[in-house]
Protein backbone atom coordinates (compact mmCIF):
# COMPACT_ATOMS: atom_id res chain seq x y z
CA MET A 1 154.85 163.34 258.01
CA ALA A 2 158.26 162.28 259.32
CA ALA A 3 156.80 159.01 260.65
CA GLY A 4 155.24 158.23 257.25
CA LEU A 5 158.49 158.83 255.39
CA LEU A 6 160.41 156.74 257.92
CA GLU A 7 157.93 153.90 257.51
CA LEU A 8 158.25 154.13 253.72
CA GLY A 9 162.03 154.07 254.01
CA GLN A 10 161.85 150.96 256.22
CA VAL A 11 159.58 149.19 253.73
CA PHE A 12 161.86 149.72 250.76
CA ALA A 13 165.04 149.03 252.73
CA VAL A 14 163.69 145.61 253.72
CA LEU A 15 162.63 144.94 250.12
CA ALA A 16 166.06 145.92 248.83
CA ILE A 17 167.80 143.51 251.20
CA ALA A 18 165.38 140.68 250.39
CA GLY A 19 165.80 141.25 246.66
CA ALA A 20 169.58 141.21 246.94
CA VAL A 21 169.47 137.90 248.82
CA ALA A 22 167.10 136.38 246.24
CA LEU A 23 169.40 137.38 243.39
CA ARG A 24 172.41 136.03 245.23
CA ILE A 25 170.95 132.56 245.85
CA GLY A 26 169.02 132.35 242.57
CA LEU A 27 165.47 132.04 243.98
CA SER A 28 162.23 133.82 243.11
CA VAL A 29 161.89 137.09 244.99
CA ILE A 30 158.28 136.43 246.00
CA PRO A 31 158.99 133.96 248.85
CA LEU A 32 161.90 136.14 250.03
CA TYR A 33 159.67 139.24 250.18
CA VAL A 34 157.13 137.36 252.31
CA VAL A 35 159.79 135.97 254.66
CA SER A 36 161.43 139.37 255.02
CA GLY A 37 158.03 140.85 255.92
CA MET A 38 157.60 138.32 258.72
CA LEU A 39 161.09 138.96 260.07
CA ALA A 40 160.84 142.77 259.85
CA GLY A 41 157.27 143.01 261.11
CA PRO A 42 155.73 143.33 264.57
CA PHE A 43 155.66 139.59 265.31
CA VAL A 44 159.44 139.06 265.08
CA ALA A 45 161.41 142.31 265.06
CA GLY A 46 158.74 144.07 267.10
CA ARG A 47 158.62 141.28 269.64
CA PHE A 48 162.34 141.62 270.32
CA GLY A 49 162.06 145.37 270.71
CA VAL A 50 164.04 146.33 267.59
CA PRO A 51 162.83 148.82 264.96
CA HIS A 52 160.21 147.13 262.80
CA VAL A 53 157.88 147.88 259.89
CA PRO A 54 154.43 148.65 261.30
CA ASN A 55 151.28 147.30 259.68
CA GLY A 56 149.68 150.70 259.18
CA GLU A 57 147.38 152.46 256.73
CA LEU A 58 150.26 153.50 254.47
CA LEU A 59 151.35 149.90 253.94
CA THR A 60 147.74 148.81 253.36
CA VAL A 61 147.17 151.37 250.62
CA LEU A 62 150.46 150.61 248.87
CA ALA A 63 149.69 146.89 249.02
CA GLU A 64 146.27 147.50 247.44
CA VAL A 65 147.97 149.37 244.60
CA GLY A 66 150.31 146.40 244.26
CA ILE A 67 147.43 143.94 243.87
CA VAL A 68 145.75 146.14 241.28
CA LEU A 69 148.85 146.71 239.14
CA LEU A 70 149.96 143.07 239.34
CA LEU A 71 146.63 141.74 238.11
CA PHE A 72 146.24 144.58 235.60
CA PHE A 73 149.55 143.56 234.04
CA LEU A 74 148.50 139.90 233.90
CA GLY A 75 145.37 141.06 232.08
CA LEU A 76 147.52 142.90 229.55
CA GLU A 77 149.19 139.57 228.72
CA PHE A 78 145.82 137.94 228.13
CA SER A 79 145.47 137.50 224.38
CA LEU A 80 141.92 136.71 223.30
CA ASP A 81 143.07 135.87 219.77
CA ARG A 82 145.73 133.42 221.00
CA LEU A 83 143.28 131.84 223.39
CA LEU A 84 140.69 131.34 220.65
CA ALA A 85 143.27 129.88 218.26
CA ALA A 86 144.21 127.12 220.71
CA ARG A 87 140.95 127.09 222.67
CA SER A 88 140.20 123.37 222.35
CA ARG A 89 143.64 122.24 223.54
CA ILE A 90 143.81 124.89 226.29
CA THR A 91 140.33 123.96 227.46
CA ARG A 92 141.19 120.26 227.65
CA ALA A 93 144.35 120.90 229.66
CA GLY A 94 142.68 123.56 231.82
CA VAL A 95 139.65 121.40 232.65
CA VAL A 96 141.93 118.55 233.81
CA ASP A 97 143.76 121.06 236.03
CA VAL A 98 140.69 122.59 237.67
CA ALA A 99 138.76 119.32 237.98
CA ILE A 100 141.54 117.72 240.03
CA ASN A 101 142.95 120.56 242.14
CA LEU A 102 140.06 122.87 243.07
CA PRO A 103 137.75 120.16 244.51
CA LEU A 104 140.71 118.58 246.31
CA GLY A 105 141.49 121.85 248.11
CA ILE A 106 137.83 122.29 249.06
CA ALA A 107 137.69 118.72 250.38
CA ILE A 108 140.81 119.30 252.50
CA GLY A 109 139.29 122.45 253.97
CA LEU A 110 136.09 120.63 254.91
CA ALA A 111 138.14 117.77 256.40
CA LEU A 112 139.87 120.36 258.62
CA GLY A 113 136.45 121.31 260.00
CA TRP A 114 136.29 124.68 258.24
CA SER A 115 133.15 126.33 256.93
CA VAL A 116 132.16 126.01 253.28
CA VAL A 117 133.39 129.54 252.52
CA GLU A 118 136.75 128.89 254.18
CA ALA A 119 137.08 125.58 252.32
CA LEU A 120 136.29 127.37 249.05
CA LEU A 121 139.16 129.76 249.74
CA LEU A 122 141.55 126.87 250.39
CA GLY A 123 140.42 125.30 247.13
CA GLY A 124 141.47 128.41 245.23
CA ILE A 125 144.76 128.69 247.13
CA VAL A 126 145.90 125.19 246.16
CA TYR A 127 144.43 125.32 242.63
CA ILE A 128 146.08 128.41 241.15
CA SER A 129 149.70 128.18 239.99
CA SER A 130 152.03 131.18 240.12
CA SER A 131 152.11 133.07 236.82
CA ALA A 132 154.94 135.28 238.11
CA ILE A 133 157.25 132.50 239.32
CA ILE A 134 156.53 130.15 236.41
CA THR A 135 156.87 132.75 233.66
CA LYS A 136 160.16 134.00 235.10
CA SER A 137 161.45 130.42 235.37
CA LEU A 138 160.44 129.67 231.76
CA ILE A 139 162.50 132.64 230.61
CA ASP A 140 165.48 131.94 232.88
CA MET A 141 165.68 128.28 231.86
CA GLY A 142 165.16 128.90 228.16
CA TRP A 143 161.92 126.92 227.96
CA ILE A 144 159.93 129.87 226.64
CA ALA A 145 160.56 128.89 222.99
CA ASP A 146 159.84 125.17 223.55
CA PRO A 147 156.50 123.49 222.70
CA GLU A 148 155.60 122.88 226.35
CA SER A 149 155.66 126.61 227.12
CA GLU A 150 152.51 127.12 225.03
CA ALA A 151 150.69 124.50 227.08
CA ILE A 152 152.00 125.91 230.38
CA LEU A 153 151.03 129.48 229.52
CA GLY A 154 147.68 128.30 228.17
CA VAL A 155 146.87 126.57 231.46
CA LEU A 156 147.93 129.70 233.37
CA VAL A 157 145.57 131.84 231.27
CA PHE A 158 142.77 129.32 231.83
CA GLU A 159 143.46 129.45 235.58
CA ASP A 160 143.42 133.25 235.56
CA ILE A 161 139.98 133.30 233.93
CA VAL A 162 138.58 130.65 236.29
CA VAL A 163 139.98 132.37 239.38
CA ALA A 164 138.77 135.79 238.23
CA VAL A 165 135.17 134.53 238.21
CA TYR A 166 135.79 132.41 241.32
CA LEU A 167 137.12 135.40 243.28
CA ALA A 168 134.10 137.52 242.39
CA VAL A 169 131.64 134.82 243.46
CA VAL A 170 133.53 133.71 246.60
CA ALA A 171 134.03 137.30 247.78
CA ALA A 172 130.30 137.95 247.41
CA VAL A 173 129.42 134.70 249.20
CA ALA A 174 131.92 135.42 251.99
CA VAL A 175 130.53 138.91 252.58
CA GLY A 176 127.03 137.44 252.82
CA ALA A 177 128.13 134.63 255.13
CA SER A 178 129.93 137.04 257.48
CA GLY A 179 126.86 139.18 258.02
CA GLY A 180 127.08 141.50 255.01
CA GLY A 181 123.82 140.05 253.71
CA GLY A 182 120.55 139.24 255.38
CA GLY A 183 119.75 135.93 253.73
CA THR A 184 119.52 133.98 250.50
CA ALA A 185 117.99 136.86 248.57
CA ASP A 186 120.73 139.27 249.67
CA LEU A 187 123.38 136.68 248.88
CA ALA A 188 121.96 136.13 245.41
CA LEU A 189 121.85 139.89 244.90
CA SER A 190 125.49 140.22 245.98
CA VAL A 191 126.62 137.46 243.61
CA GLY A 192 124.51 138.90 240.81
CA ARG A 193 125.98 142.36 241.35
CA SER A 194 129.50 140.90 241.19
CA LEU A 195 128.77 139.06 237.96
CA ALA A 196 127.18 142.20 236.51
CA VAL A 197 130.35 144.19 237.20
CA LEU A 198 132.38 141.44 235.53
CA ALA A 199 130.04 141.50 232.54
CA VAL A 200 130.58 145.24 232.13
CA LEU A 201 134.36 144.78 232.25
CA VAL A 202 134.23 141.89 229.77
CA ALA A 203 132.09 144.03 227.45
CA LEU A 204 134.66 146.81 227.76
CA ALA A 205 137.39 144.34 226.81
CA ALA A 206 135.38 143.10 223.82
CA TYR A 207 133.88 146.33 222.48
CA GLY A 208 135.59 149.26 224.18
CA THR A 209 138.84 149.30 222.21
CA PRO A 210 138.09 152.49 220.20
CA LEU A 211 137.19 154.39 223.37
CA LEU A 212 140.29 153.19 225.20
CA ASN A 213 142.51 154.02 222.22
CA ARG A 214 141.30 157.63 222.41
CA LEU A 215 141.79 157.73 226.19
CA LEU A 216 145.41 156.57 225.81
CA ASP A 217 146.23 158.70 222.77
CA THR A 218 149.14 160.78 224.07
CA ARG A 219 152.80 161.06 223.10
CA SER A 220 153.85 161.59 226.71
CA ASP A 221 154.86 158.42 228.57
CA GLU A 222 154.26 160.30 231.81
CA GLN A 223 150.67 161.05 230.86
CA LEU A 224 150.13 157.51 229.63
CA LEU A 225 151.32 156.11 232.96
CA ILE A 226 149.14 158.52 234.93
CA ARG A 227 146.04 157.66 232.88
CA VAL A 228 146.62 153.91 233.20
CA VAL A 229 147.18 154.04 236.96
CA ALA A 230 144.16 156.33 237.39
CA ALA A 231 141.98 153.88 235.46
CA ALA A 232 143.30 150.80 237.30
CA ALA A 233 143.01 152.34 240.77
CA GLY A 234 139.64 153.92 240.03
CA VAL A 235 138.11 150.74 238.63
CA GLY A 236 139.60 148.71 241.49
CA GLY A 237 138.06 151.07 244.04
CA LEU A 238 134.66 151.01 242.33
CA ALA A 239 134.78 147.22 242.19
CA LEU A 240 135.41 147.03 245.95
CA ALA A 241 132.46 149.40 246.50
CA PHE A 242 130.25 146.91 244.62
CA GLY A 243 131.64 143.93 246.53
CA VAL A 244 133.87 142.67 243.72
CA SER A 245 137.56 141.87 244.19
CA GLU A 246 139.76 144.73 243.03
CA ALA A 247 142.15 142.10 241.65
CA VAL A 248 139.46 140.66 239.38
CA ALA A 249 138.43 144.10 238.13
CA ALA A 250 142.06 145.01 237.44
CA PHE A 251 142.61 141.76 235.50
CA PHE A 252 139.70 142.39 233.13
CA LEU A 253 140.57 146.07 232.77
CA GLY A 254 144.08 144.96 231.80
CA ALA A 255 142.57 142.62 229.21
CA ALA A 256 140.61 145.55 227.81
CA PHE A 257 143.73 147.74 227.61
CA GLY A 258 145.64 144.80 226.13
CA ALA A 259 143.42 144.95 223.05
CA THR A 260 144.44 148.54 222.27
CA GLU A 261 147.22 149.71 219.95
CA HIS A 262 149.05 151.11 223.00
CA VAL A 263 149.56 147.79 224.79
CA HIS A 264 153.34 147.61 224.26
CA ARG A 265 153.84 151.17 225.51
CA ILE A 266 151.68 150.43 228.54
CA GLU A 267 153.77 147.35 229.36
CA ARG A 268 156.96 149.38 229.05
CA VAL A 269 155.91 152.34 231.20
CA ILE A 270 154.12 150.38 233.92
CA THR A 271 156.54 147.49 234.51
CA SER A 272 158.65 149.29 237.11
CA GLU A 273 155.58 150.49 239.04
CA ARG A 274 154.09 147.00 238.91
CA ASP A 275 157.24 145.44 240.37
CA LEU A 276 157.60 148.15 243.01
CA TYR A 277 154.08 147.98 244.42
CA ALA A 278 153.69 144.21 243.96
CA ALA A 279 156.80 143.83 246.12
CA VAL A 280 155.09 145.90 248.83
CA PHE A 281 152.03 143.64 248.60
CA PHE A 282 154.08 140.48 249.17
CA LEU A 283 155.94 142.19 252.01
CA SER A 284 152.64 143.21 253.62
CA ILE A 285 151.44 139.60 253.59
CA GLY A 286 154.53 138.65 255.59
CA ILE A 287 154.13 141.58 257.99
CA GLU A 288 150.53 140.55 258.71
CA THR A 289 151.53 136.93 259.38
CA ASN A 290 152.55 135.68 262.80
CA PRO A 291 155.21 132.97 262.27
CA ALA A 292 153.92 131.26 265.39
CA LEU A 293 150.68 130.61 263.51
CA ILE A 294 152.62 128.91 260.70
CA ALA A 295 154.30 126.69 263.28
CA GLY A 296 150.84 125.93 264.62
CA VAL A 297 149.65 124.71 261.20
CA ALA A 298 152.82 122.74 260.43
CA VAL A 299 151.03 119.38 260.31
CA PRO A 300 148.19 120.41 257.94
CA LEU A 301 150.74 122.42 255.92
CA ALA A 302 152.96 119.38 255.42
CA ALA A 303 149.96 117.26 254.41
CA LEU A 304 148.75 119.99 252.07
CA VAL A 305 152.15 120.24 250.37
CA VAL A 306 152.44 116.48 249.83
CA VAL A 307 148.89 115.92 248.58
CA THR A 308 148.63 118.97 246.33
CA THR A 309 152.11 118.53 244.85
CA ALA A 310 151.05 115.05 243.77
CA SER A 311 147.71 116.32 242.42
CA LYS A 312 149.36 119.13 240.46
CA LEU A 313 151.95 116.77 238.98
CA LEU A 314 149.13 114.43 237.97
CA SER A 315 146.93 117.13 236.45
CA GLY A 316 149.90 118.82 234.77
CA TYR A 317 151.08 115.60 233.14
CA TYR A 318 147.66 114.56 231.85
CA GLY A 319 146.93 118.16 230.90
CA GLY A 320 150.07 118.13 228.77
CA ARG A 321 149.00 114.87 227.18
CA ALA A 322 145.54 116.34 226.52
CA TYR A 323 147.30 119.27 224.86
CA GLY A 324 148.99 116.80 222.50
CA LEU A 325 152.50 116.81 223.96
CA SER A 326 154.89 113.88 224.36
CA GLU A 327 155.49 112.13 227.68
CA ARG A 328 158.72 114.06 228.25
CA ARG A 329 157.24 117.47 227.50
CA SER A 330 154.08 116.67 229.49
CA THR A 331 156.36 115.93 232.44
CA ARG A 332 157.84 119.40 232.04
CA VAL A 333 154.34 120.89 232.12
CA ALA A 334 153.64 119.00 235.35
CA LEU A 335 156.85 120.18 237.01
CA ALA A 336 156.38 123.80 235.93
CA LEU A 337 152.84 124.11 237.31
CA VAL A 338 153.76 123.06 240.88
CA ALA A 339 154.78 126.57 242.01
CA ARG A 340 152.09 128.60 243.79
CA GLY A 341 152.48 132.31 244.49
CA GLU A 342 150.81 135.67 244.02
CA PHE A 343 147.20 134.63 243.36
CA SER A 344 147.20 132.22 246.32
CA LEU A 345 148.14 135.14 248.56
CA VAL A 346 145.50 137.39 246.99
CA ILE A 347 142.87 134.72 247.71
CA ALA A 348 144.12 134.23 251.28
CA ALA A 349 143.97 137.98 251.90
CA LEU A 350 140.18 137.82 251.38
CA ALA A 351 139.86 135.84 254.62
CA THR A 352 140.94 138.80 256.75
CA ARG A 353 139.25 141.57 254.78
CA PRO A 354 137.32 143.76 257.27
CA ASP A 355 133.96 143.11 255.60
CA ILE A 356 134.59 139.34 255.60
CA ALA A 357 136.80 138.49 258.63
CA LEU A 358 136.28 134.73 258.65
CA PRO A 359 136.81 132.82 261.94
CA GLN A 360 139.73 130.91 260.44
CA GLY A 361 141.03 134.02 258.65
CA GLU A 362 144.41 134.25 260.38
CA THR A 363 144.91 130.50 260.05
CA ILE A 364 144.12 130.62 256.33
CA VAL A 365 146.63 133.43 255.77
CA ALA A 366 149.32 131.65 257.81
CA LEU A 367 148.70 128.38 255.98
CA ALA A 368 148.77 130.17 252.61
CA VAL A 369 152.02 131.98 253.39
CA GLY A 370 153.74 128.77 254.47
CA TYR A 371 152.28 126.99 251.46
CA VAL A 372 153.49 129.60 248.98
CA LEU A 373 156.96 129.63 250.52
CA VAL A 374 157.31 125.85 250.23
CA MET A 375 155.62 125.46 246.84
CA GLY A 376 157.45 128.42 245.29
CA LEU A 377 160.78 126.92 246.31
CA LEU A 378 159.76 123.37 245.38
CA GLY A 379 158.46 124.39 241.97
CA THR A 380 161.68 126.23 241.14
CA VAL A 381 163.81 123.26 242.21
CA LEU A 382 161.71 120.74 240.25
CA MET A 383 162.10 122.80 237.08
CA ARG A 384 165.83 123.07 237.65
CA TYR A 385 166.21 119.28 237.91
CA SER A 386 163.63 118.48 235.24
CA GLY A 387 166.12 116.63 233.04
CA VAL A 388 166.66 113.88 235.61
CA ILE A 389 162.95 113.60 236.42
CA GLU A 390 161.87 113.53 232.75
CA GLY A 391 164.25 110.68 232.01
CA ARG A 392 162.94 108.58 234.89
CA VAL A 393 159.30 109.22 233.97
CA VAL A 394 159.80 108.29 230.32
CA LYS A 395 161.78 105.17 231.33
CA SER A 396 159.09 104.06 233.80
CA LEU A 397 156.30 104.59 231.26
CA GLY A 398 158.29 102.89 228.50
């Protein structure tokens, strides 16, 4: 008992220090949480014989809760009505985004000599932009009320939907490829089971509003929070039992809860818990990562950063144009979408899941951590200096 409490105290002490540093230097907390996890974990602090945060069962469970609540909250923000109202423009911009970036990531993975499953994971890692980093930056920089914010958020929603289905399929394929299935028939069954679970959750989102309204009908914020967390954790656990990503299940459950009359209360009562456990998840990614492995992938990491920054700028600009924005505002869309973050780490974590355990699993995680650190920082800086970049782009195109 004492050891568990001490470990918990270490976890939150490290997070507190990392958060204070992030606030002081004006950067997103996500990269700082990951870096602090590496420094405070067994591969750095432990190697030098100083007290460190162990990668134990307690941290694993808390990190799982973090994934579930983070994606549940993103689902709450998913507005079916808003998506349908701007569906043609969002689809045009979203298709440009996925058509350029997802195949590029897969091609890079295959060029590295990885298996198809491992390359598919890299495709998702480089495709998905960071909703957390980008949304926070939009608010901090005052872009949230500007026309380009609608296009940026629309592309992020499109990405969330694509990656939700992608995660379900890739997780099922990865389990089959790693020995969880006996052949093509078992693989097809695993994929079909995953899609069936998603279909049930989508049906709940579309038709289960009256039932969910009754479930959440309480005046007590405490009871509301308990019921929401129970539903999110329970559905996440059931999804894992059926071979579906708990993150995907949580996203669609959040979308279902987002259609209820209690959505604003849910957002209010769960925000603190989301931030708390999501922070533990990002910390756990760092703790699991050996910095020596990142140094070992420095060359492919540098190439990945250069190539996928260019591809995201290209897709973001033409996505903005497809959305109907001007050259200047399309440039803002391109700059905003560069940052990668939470979803890239969720995808990378699949590679080391016990029932998957891909041969390049540790390399994928190390590459993803380094990638998120660089792209999170780069995306924030590009948005901060957007005025200079916009002017040069408009001048060159004029």
